[in-house]
Amino acid sequence: MPRYDYRCRACGTTFELSRPMAESSDPAVCPEGHGDTVKLLSTVAVTGTASGGAPAPQSAAGGGCCGGGCCG
């Protein structure tokens, strides 16, 4: 079950709740009992290395990200 971070606007407490994705936007009450909370944007950290595979091909124009001279 996903965990979501929330912050209480009344007391500033940051807390986390485990709840189904369908309930992620539902109101959350802080541990101090305040109801004025906001869901925080979560960051995801992915670690490790890629295994196998070839590097992505470059365009025929040799431009890299978009194949032209638009990236500078």
Protein backbone atom coordinates (compact mmCIF):
# COMPACT_ATOMS: atom_id res chain seq x y z
CA MET A 1 0.00 0.00 0.00
CA PRO A 2 1.46 3.41 -0.94
CA ARG A 3 2.53 5.89 1.73
CA TYR A 4 1.75 9.58 1.40
CA ASP A 5 3.31 12.54 3.20
CA TYR A 6 1.13 15.31 4.62
CA ARG A 7 1.78 18.56 6.47
CA CYS A 8 -0.54 20.18 8.98
CA ARG A 9 -1.11 23.86 8.26
CA ALA A 10 -2.17 24.52 11.86
CA CYS A 11 0.83 23.12 13.76
CA GLY A 12 3.41 22.39 11.01
CA THR A 13 3.65 18.67 11.81
CA THR A 14 4.71 16.49 8.89
CA PHE A 15 3.33 12.95 8.92
CA GLU A 16 2.79 10.01 6.65
CA LEU A 17 -0.18 7.75 6.03
CA SER A 18 -0.46 4.39 4.30
CA ARG A 19 -3.65 4.33 2.26
CA PRO A 20 -4.96 3.05 -1.06
CA MET A 21 -4.26 5.22 -4.10
CA ALA A 22 -8.00 5.85 -4.45
CA GLU A 23 -7.91 7.60 -1.05
CA SER A 24 -4.72 9.63 -1.58
CA SER A 25 -6.62 12.91 -2.03
CA ASP A 26 -9.04 12.32 0.85
CA PRO A 27 -8.70 14.66 3.84
CA ALA A 28 -6.12 13.59 6.42
CA VAL A 29 -6.15 14.52 10.12
CA CYS A 30 -2.76 15.24 11.68
CA PRO A 31 -1.62 13.32 14.78
CA GLU A 32 -2.47 16.41 16.88
CA GLY A 33 -6.08 16.28 15.66
CA HIS A 34 -6.04 19.21 13.22
CA GLY A 35 -7.92 18.78 9.97
CA ASP A 36 -6.25 21.50 7.89
CA THR A 37 -3.62 19.40 6.13
CA VAL A 38 -2.05 19.33 2.69
CA LYS A 39 -0.59 16.38 0.78
CA LEU A 40 3.10 16.88 -0.01
CA LEU A 41 4.74 16.06 -3.29
CA SER A 42 6.80 12.94 -2.83
CA THR A 43 10.15 12.27 -4.44
CA VAL A 44 11.20 8.86 -5.62
CA ALA A 45 14.80 7.72 -5.39
CA VAL A 46 15.84 4.99 -7.77
CA THR A 47 19.28 3.54 -7.32
CA GLY A 48 21.26 0.88 -9.08
CA THR A 49 22.85 0.45 -12.46
CA ALA A 50 21.48 -0.40 -15.84
CA SER A 51 22.27 -3.88 -16.97
CA GLY A 52 22.80 -4.87 -20.56
CA GLY A 53 21.28 -3.15 -23.51
CA ALA A 54 22.83 -0.87 -26.07
CA PRO A 55 23.01 2.89 -25.82
CA ALA A 56 20.18 4.83 -27.43
CA PRO A 57 20.85 5.58 -31.10
CA GLN A 58 21.51 9.14 -32.14
CA SER A 59 19.72 10.73 -35.06
CA ALA A 60 21.18 10.76 -38.53
CA ALA A 61 21.82 14.49 -38.13
CA GLY A 62 24.05 13.72 -35.16
CA GLY A 63 22.25 16.23 -33.00
CA GLY A 64 21.64 14.28 -29.80
CA CYS A 65 18.43 15.07 -27.90
CA CYS A 66 16.30 16.36 -30.75
CA GLY A 67 18.39 15.60 -33.84
CA GLY A 68 19.08 19.21 -34.77
CA GLY A 69 20.78 22.32 -33.60
CA CYS A 70 18.02 23.38 -31.21
CA CYS A 71 19.80 22.16 -28.06
CA GLY A 72 22.41 24.47 -27.02
